Amino acid sequence: MGDDLIRVTRIAVFGRHGVLPEEAVLGQRFYISLEARLDLGAAGRSDDVAGTVSYADLTEIAVGIATERRFNLIEALAESIAATILARFPAVDAIAVRVDKPSAPVPAILDGVSVEITRRREVRR
């Protein structure tokens, strides 16, 4: 497994995710952060984008899923993003996806809630 990382932090998206009916109607801002683990040695030595995964492509996947689909749970949103990245980019050994929901409908004063998941590529034998 590669020990190198590509990080994309706090991609702001407007989505309609949440369990409550008003969340589906009103929508709110979410922030998505990605941490892709892969071997970046070839890209570093060659200075060629073909040896890496474009952070623009990673961002496009996260934005597309978060804005075009609706999830009750931010856990499901994160899972969908992680699965899509692993399916699309064989070079990615593992992906961590964090979804921040700053305006969560919680009866308390807080900065927000978040979930973070890490999914690893299954080892093929």
N, C-alpha and C. Protein backbone atom coordinates (compact mmCIF):
# COMPACT_ATOMS: atom_id res chain seq x y z
N MET A 1 0.85 -1.18 0.00
CA MET A 1 0.00 0.00 0.00
C MET A 1 0.88 1.24 0.00
N GLY A 2 0.48 2.23 -0.78
CA GLY A 2 1.22 3.48 -0.82
C GLY A 2 1.10 4.24 0.48
N ASP A 3 2.18 4.87 0.89
CA ASP A 3 2.16 5.68 2.11
C ASP A 3 1.97 7.16 1.83
N ASP A 4 1.82 7.51 0.56
CA ASP A 4 1.68 8.90 0.17
C ASP A 4 0.20 9.30 0.21
N LEU A 5 -0.03 10.60 0.29
CA LEU A 5 -1.40 11.09 0.42
C LEU A 5 -1.68 12.22 -0.56
N ILE A 6 -2.89 12.24 -1.06
CA ILE A 6 -3.44 13.42 -1.72
C ILE A 6 -4.59 13.86 -0.83
N ARG A 7 -4.53 15.09 -0.36
CA ARG A 7 -5.60 15.64 0.49
C ARG A 7 -6.34 16.74 -0.25
N VAL A 8 -7.65 16.67 -0.19
CA VAL A 8 -8.52 17.75 -0.68
C VAL A 8 -9.40 18.09 0.52
N THR A 9 -9.31 19.34 0.99
CA THR A 9 -9.98 19.67 2.24
C THR A 9 -11.10 20.68 2.07
N ARG A 10 -12.17 20.40 2.79
CA ARG A 10 -13.33 21.29 2.96
C ARG A 10 -13.92 21.78 1.64
N ILE A 11 -14.29 20.84 0.80
CA ILE A 11 -15.03 21.17 -0.42
C ILE A 11 -16.43 21.57 0.02
N ALA A 12 -16.83 22.78 -0.25
CA ALA A 12 -18.16 23.25 0.15
C ALA A 12 -19.19 22.86 -0.90
N VAL A 13 -20.27 22.22 -0.44
CA VAL A 13 -21.36 21.84 -1.33
C VAL A 13 -22.69 22.19 -0.66
N PHE A 14 -23.70 22.40 -1.48
CA PHE A 14 -25.05 22.60 -0.97
C PHE A 14 -25.83 21.33 -1.28
N GLY A 15 -26.36 20.71 -0.23
CA GLY A 15 -27.09 19.47 -0.42
C GLY A 15 -28.34 19.42 0.42
N ARG A 16 -29.12 18.38 0.21
CA ARG A 16 -30.39 18.21 0.91
C ARG A 16 -30.39 16.92 1.72
N HIS A 17 -29.29 16.66 2.38
CA HIS A 17 -29.12 15.42 3.12
C HIS A 17 -29.61 15.58 4.55
N GLY A 18 -30.24 14.54 5.06
CA GLY A 18 -30.69 14.54 6.44
C GLY A 18 -31.96 13.73 6.60
N VAL A 19 -32.23 13.34 7.82
CA VAL A 19 -33.39 12.51 8.13
C VAL A 19 -34.67 13.35 8.16
N LEU A 20 -34.57 14.59 8.59
CA LEU A 20 -35.77 15.42 8.76
C LEU A 20 -36.31 15.90 7.42
N PRO A 21 -37.64 15.94 7.26
CA PRO A 21 -38.23 16.39 6.00
C PRO A 21 -37.81 17.80 5.60
N GLU A 22 -37.66 18.70 6.56
CA GLU A 22 -37.28 20.07 6.22
C GLU A 22 -35.86 20.15 5.67
N GLU A 23 -35.01 19.20 6.02
CA GLU A 23 -33.66 19.19 5.46
C GLU A 23 -33.70 18.88 3.97
N ALA A 24 -34.65 18.06 3.56
CA ALA A 24 -34.80 17.75 2.14
C ALA A 24 -35.33 18.95 1.37
N VAL A 25 -36.15 19.77 2.03
CA VAL A 25 -36.74 20.93 1.37
C VAL A 25 -35.78 22.12 1.36
N LEU A 26 -35.24 22.44 2.51
CA LEU A 26 -34.41 23.64 2.64
C LEU A 26 -32.98 23.44 2.18
N GLY A 27 -32.42 22.29 2.47
CA GLY A 27 -31.02 22.04 2.15
C GLY A 27 -30.10 22.84 3.06
N GLN A 28 -28.81 22.56 2.94
CA GLN A 28 -27.82 23.26 3.75
C GLN A 28 -26.42 23.00 3.18
N ARG A 29 -25.46 23.68 3.74
CA ARG A 29 -24.07 23.53 3.31
C ARG A 29 -23.43 22.36 4.04
N PHE A 30 -22.61 21.64 3.30
CA PHE A 30 -21.80 20.56 3.83
C PHE A 30 -20.37 20.80 3.38
N TYR A 31 -19.42 20.24 4.12
CA TYR A 31 -18.01 20.30 3.72
C TYR A 31 -17.50 18.86 3.62
N ILE A 32 -16.83 18.57 2.53
CA ILE A 32 -16.30 17.24 2.31
C ILE A 32 -14.78 17.32 2.19
N SER A 33 -14.09 16.45 2.91
CA SER A 33 -12.63 16.36 2.82
C SER A 33 -12.26 14.93 2.43
N LEU A 34 -11.23 14.84 1.59
CA LEU A 34 -10.79 13.55 1.07
C LEU A 34 -9.31 13.36 1.37
N GLU A 35 -8.93 12.14 1.66
CA GLU A 35 -7.53 11.79 1.85
C GLU A 35 -7.30 10.46 1.14
N ALA A 36 -6.70 10.54 -0.05
CA ALA A 36 -6.44 9.35 -0.86
C ALA A 36 -5.02 8.87 -0.59
N ARG A 37 -4.89 7.59 -0.27
CA ARG A 37 -3.59 7.00 -0.01
C ARG A 37 -3.18 6.18 -1.23
N LEU A 38 -2.02 6.50 -1.79
CA LEU A 38 -1.51 5.83 -2.97
C LEU A 38 -0.02 6.09 -3.08
N ASP A 39 0.62 5.41 -4.00
CA ASP A 39 2.05 5.60 -4.22
C ASP A 39 2.24 6.72 -5.24
N LEU A 40 2.86 7.81 -4.81
CA LEU A 40 3.08 8.97 -5.67
C LEU A 40 4.52 9.06 -6.17
N GLY A 41 5.29 7.99 -5.96
CA GLY A 41 6.69 8.00 -6.37
C GLY A 41 6.88 8.23 -7.86
N ALA A 42 6.12 7.52 -8.69
CA ALA A 42 6.27 7.67 -10.15
C ALA A 42 5.95 9.09 -10.58
N ALA A 43 4.90 9.67 -10.03
CA ALA A 43 4.54 11.04 -10.39
C ALA A 43 5.62 12.03 -9.95
N GLY A 44 6.17 11.80 -8.76
CA GLY A 44 7.21 12.69 -8.27
C GLY A 44 8.48 12.63 -9.10
N ARG A 45 8.83 11.43 -9.55
CA ARG A 45 10.05 11.28 -10.34
C ARG A 45 9.87 11.76 -11.78
N SER A 46 8.69 11.56 -12.34
CA SER A 46 8.48 11.88 -13.76
C SER A 46 7.90 13.26 -14.01
N ASP A 47 7.28 13.85 -12.98
CA ASP A 47 6.58 15.12 -13.14
C ASP A 47 5.48 14.99 -14.20
N ASP A 48 4.84 13.81 -14.23
CA ASP A 48 3.80 13.51 -15.22
C ASP A 48 2.50 13.17 -14.48
N VAL A 49 1.44 13.84 -14.84
CA VAL A 49 0.14 13.64 -14.19
C VAL A 49 -0.37 12.22 -14.36
N ALA A 50 0.12 11.49 -15.35
CA ALA A 50 -0.32 10.12 -15.56
C ALA A 50 0.07 9.21 -14.40
N GLY A 51 1.03 9.62 -13.57
CA GLY A 51 1.48 8.82 -12.45
C GLY A 51 0.75 9.10 -11.15
N THR A 52 -0.33 9.87 -11.22
CA THR A 52 -1.05 10.25 -10.01
C THR A 52 -2.55 10.20 -10.26
N VAL A 53 -3.31 10.63 -9.29
CA VAL A 53 -4.76 10.81 -9.43
C VAL A 53 -5.02 12.30 -9.26
N SER A 54 -5.72 12.87 -10.20
CA SER A 54 -5.97 14.31 -10.18
C SER A 54 -6.88 14.70 -9.02
N TYR A 55 -6.45 15.69 -8.25
CA TYR A 55 -7.31 16.18 -7.17
C TYR A 55 -8.57 16.81 -7.73
N ALA A 56 -8.51 17.32 -8.97
CA ALA A 56 -9.72 17.86 -9.60
C ALA A 56 -10.73 16.75 -9.85
N ASP A 57 -10.27 15.57 -10.26
CA ASP A 57 -11.18 14.44 -10.47
C ASP A 57 -11.78 13.96 -9.16
N LEU A 58 -10.98 13.91 -8.11
CA LEU A 58 -11.49 13.52 -6.79
C LEU A 58 -12.58 14.49 -6.34
N THR A 59 -12.30 15.77 -6.53
CA THR A 59 -13.27 16.81 -6.15
C THR A 59 -14.55 16.69 -6.95
N GLU A 60 -14.43 16.45 -8.24
CA GLU A 60 -15.60 16.33 -9.11
C GLU A 60 -16.52 15.18 -8.65
N ILE A 61 -15.94 14.07 -8.26
CA ILE A 61 -16.73 12.94 -7.77
C ILE A 61 -17.49 13.33 -6.50
N ALA A 62 -16.80 13.93 -5.55
CA ALA A 62 -17.44 14.31 -4.29
C ALA A 62 -18.56 15.31 -4.52
N VAL A 63 -18.31 16.33 -5.32
CA VAL A 63 -19.33 17.35 -5.59
C VAL A 63 -20.52 16.73 -6.32
N GLY A 64 -20.25 15.91 -7.33
CA GLY A 64 -21.33 15.30 -8.09
C GLY A 64 -22.25 14.47 -7.22
N ILE A 65 -21.68 13.60 -6.40
CA ILE A 65 -22.50 12.75 -5.54
C ILE A 65 -23.26 13.56 -4.51
N ALA A 66 -22.59 14.55 -3.91
CA ALA A 66 -23.22 15.33 -2.84
C ALA A 66 -24.31 16.26 -3.34
N THR A 67 -24.24 16.68 -4.59
CA THR A 67 -25.24 17.63 -5.09
C THR A 67 -26.31 17.00 -5.98
N GLU A 68 -26.03 15.84 -6.53
CA GLU A 68 -26.99 15.22 -7.45
C GLU A 68 -27.83 14.13 -6.79
N ARG A 69 -27.41 13.67 -5.63
CA ARG A 69 -28.16 12.63 -4.92
C ARG A 69 -28.54 13.13 -3.53
N ARG A 70 -29.49 12.43 -2.91
CA ARG A 70 -29.92 12.78 -1.56
C ARG A 70 -29.75 11.57 -0.66
N PHE A 71 -29.19 11.81 0.52
CA PHE A 71 -28.99 10.75 1.50
C PHE A 71 -29.63 11.17 2.82
N ASN A 72 -30.21 10.23 3.53
CA ASN A 72 -30.69 10.51 4.87
C ASN A 72 -29.53 10.71 5.83
N LEU A 73 -28.48 9.93 5.63
CA LEU A 73 -27.34 9.94 6.55
C LEU A 73 -26.07 10.42 5.86
N ILE A 74 -25.30 11.24 6.56
CA ILE A 74 -24.02 11.65 5.99
C ILE A 74 -23.05 10.47 5.93
N GLU A 75 -23.31 9.44 6.73
CA GLU A 75 -22.52 8.21 6.63
C GLU A 75 -22.68 7.59 5.24
N ALA A 76 -23.91 7.59 4.73
CA ALA A 76 -24.18 7.02 3.40
C ALA A 76 -23.57 7.88 2.30
N LEU A 77 -23.59 9.18 2.47
CA LEU A 77 -22.95 10.08 1.52
C LEU A 77 -21.45 9.77 1.45
N ALA A 78 -20.80 9.66 2.60
CA ALA A 78 -19.37 9.36 2.65
C ALA A 78 -19.09 8.00 2.02
N GLU A 79 -19.91 7.02 2.31
CA GLU A 79 -19.71 5.67 1.77
C GLU A 79 -19.80 5.67 0.25
N SER A 80 -20.74 6.40 -0.31
CA SER A 80 -20.90 6.46 -1.76
C SER A 80 -19.69 7.11 -2.42
N ILE A 81 -19.20 8.18 -1.83
CA ILE A 81 -18.01 8.86 -2.36
C ILE A 81 -16.81 7.92 -2.32
N ALA A 82 -16.61 7.26 -1.19
CA ALA A 82 -15.46 6.36 -1.05
C ALA A 82 -15.53 5.22 -2.06
N ALA A 83 -16.69 4.60 -2.20
CA ALA A 83 -16.84 3.47 -3.13
C ALA A 83 -16.59 3.90 -4.57
N THR A 84 -17.07 5.08 -4.94
CA THR A 84 -16.89 5.57 -6.30
C THR A 84 -15.42 5.85 -6.59
N ILE A 85 -14.72 6.46 -5.66
CA ILE A 85 -13.30 6.75 -5.86
C ILE A 85 -12.50 5.46 -5.99
N LEU A 86 -12.76 4.48 -5.13
CA LEU A 86 -12.03 3.21 -5.23
C LEU A 86 -12.34 2.50 -6.55
N ALA A 87 -13.57 2.57 -7.01
CA ALA A 87 -13.94 1.91 -8.26
C ALA A 87 -13.32 2.60 -9.47
N ARG A 88 -13.22 3.91 -9.42
CA ARG A 88 -12.74 4.66 -10.58
C ARG A 88 -11.22 4.74 -10.68
N PHE A 89 -10.53 4.71 -9.55
CA PHE A 89 -9.08 4.91 -9.56
C PHE A 89 -8.35 3.72 -8.93
N PRO A 90 -7.91 2.77 -9.74
CA PRO A 90 -7.21 1.59 -9.21
C PRO A 90 -5.94 1.93 -8.45
N ALA A 91 -5.32 3.06 -8.71
CA ALA A 91 -4.09 3.44 -8.00
C ALA A 91 -4.34 3.79 -6.54
N VAL A 92 -5.57 4.15 -6.19
CA VAL A 92 -5.89 4.53 -4.81
C VAL A 92 -6.02 3.26 -3.97
N ASP A 93 -5.14 3.14 -2.98
CA ASP A 93 -5.17 1.98 -2.07
C ASP A 93 -6.20 2.14 -0.97
N ALA A 94 -6.39 3.37 -0.51
CA ALA A 94 -7.35 3.65 0.56
C ALA A 94 -7.83 5.08 0.41
N ILE A 95 -9.05 5.31 0.87
CA ILE A 95 -9.63 6.66 0.80
C ILE A 95 -10.34 6.95 2.12
N ALA A 96 -10.03 8.10 2.68
CA ALA A 96 -10.76 8.59 3.86
C ALA A 96 -11.65 9.73 3.38
N VAL A 97 -12.90 9.69 3.80
CA VAL A 97 -13.87 10.72 3.43
C VAL A 97 -14.46 11.27 4.71
N ARG A 98 -14.38 12.58 4.86
CA ARG A 98 -14.99 13.25 6.01
C ARG A 98 -16.09 14.16 5.49
N VAL A 99 -17.26 14.08 6.12
CA VAL A 99 -18.37 14.96 5.79
C VAL A 99 -18.73 15.75 7.04
N ASP A 100 -18.62 17.06 6.93
CA ASP A 100 -18.99 17.97 8.03
C ASP A 100 -20.36 18.57 7.74
N LYS A 101 -21.20 18.58 8.76
CA LYS A 101 -22.54 19.15 8.66
C LYS A 101 -22.64 20.24 9.73
N PRO A 102 -22.29 21.48 9.35
CA PRO A 102 -22.22 22.54 10.37
C PRO A 102 -23.56 22.96 10.94
N SER A 103 -24.64 22.76 10.21
CA SER A 103 -25.96 23.21 10.68
C SER A 103 -26.85 22.03 11.06
N ALA A 104 -26.26 21.04 11.70
CA ALA A 104 -27.04 19.87 12.09
C ALA A 104 -28.15 20.28 13.06
N PRO A 105 -29.36 19.73 12.87
CA PRO A 105 -30.49 20.08 13.74
C PRO A 105 -30.40 19.35 15.08
N VAL A 106 -29.51 19.83 15.92
CA VAL A 106 -29.28 19.24 17.23
C VAL A 106 -29.65 20.30 18.28
N PRO A 107 -30.42 19.93 19.30
CA PRO A 107 -30.82 20.92 20.31
C PRO A 107 -29.69 21.25 21.27
N ALA A 108 -28.62 21.82 20.72
CA ALA A 108 -27.47 22.22 21.52
C ALA A 108 -26.69 23.25 20.72
N ILE A 109 -25.84 23.98 21.39
CA ILE A 109 -24.97 24.93 20.71
C ILE A 109 -23.69 24.18 20.36
N LEU A 110 -23.46 24.02 19.05
CA LEU A 110 -22.26 23.31 18.61
C LEU A 110 -21.81 23.86 17.27
N ASP A 111 -20.56 23.59 16.92
CA ASP A 111 -20.03 24.04 15.64
C ASP A 111 -20.50 23.17 14.48
N GLY A 112 -20.89 21.95 14.78
CA GLY A 112 -21.35 21.05 13.74
C GLY A 112 -21.07 19.63 14.12
N VAL A 113 -21.45 18.73 13.24
CA VAL A 113 -21.17 17.32 13.42
C VAL A 113 -20.44 16.83 12.17
N SER A 114 -19.76 15.71 12.31
CA SER A 114 -19.07 15.15 11.14
C SER A 114 -18.95 13.65 11.29
N VAL A 115 -18.77 13.00 10.16
CA VAL A 115 -18.40 11.59 10.14
C VAL A 115 -17.17 11.47 9.27
N GLU A 116 -16.34 10.50 9.59
CA GLU A 116 -15.18 10.21 8.75
C GLU A 116 -15.06 8.70 8.63
N ILE A 117 -14.93 8.24 7.40
CA ILE A 117 -14.77 6.82 7.15
C ILE A 117 -13.49 6.60 6.37
N THR A 118 -12.92 5.43 6.51
CA THR A 118 -11.77 5.03 5.69
C THR A 118 -12.10 3.68 5.08
N ARG A 119 -11.93 3.59 3.77
CA ARG A 119 -12.17 2.35 3.05
C ARG A 119 -10.90 1.98 2.30
N ARG A 120 -10.54 0.72 2.37
CA ARG A 120 -9.33 0.22 1.71
C ARG A 120 -9.70 -0.72 0.59
N ARG A 121 -8.87 -0.71 -0.41
CA ARG A 121 -9.06 -1.64 -1.53
C ARG A 121 -8.86 -3.05 -1.02
N GLU A 122 -9.71 -3.95 -1.44
CA GLU A 122 -9.56 -5.35 -1.06
C GLU A 122 -8.32 -5.92 -1.74
N VAL A 123 -7.57 -6.70 -1.00
CA VAL A 123 -6.36 -7.31 -1.54
C VAL A 123 -6.79 -8.46 -2.45
N ARG A 124 -6.31 -8.42 -3.68
CA ARG A 124 -6.63 -9.47 -4.64
C ARG A 124 -5.55 -10.54 -4.58
N ARG A 125 -5.96 -11.78 -4.53
CA ARG A 125 -5.00 -12.89 -4.45
C ARG A 125 -4.97 -13.65 -5.75
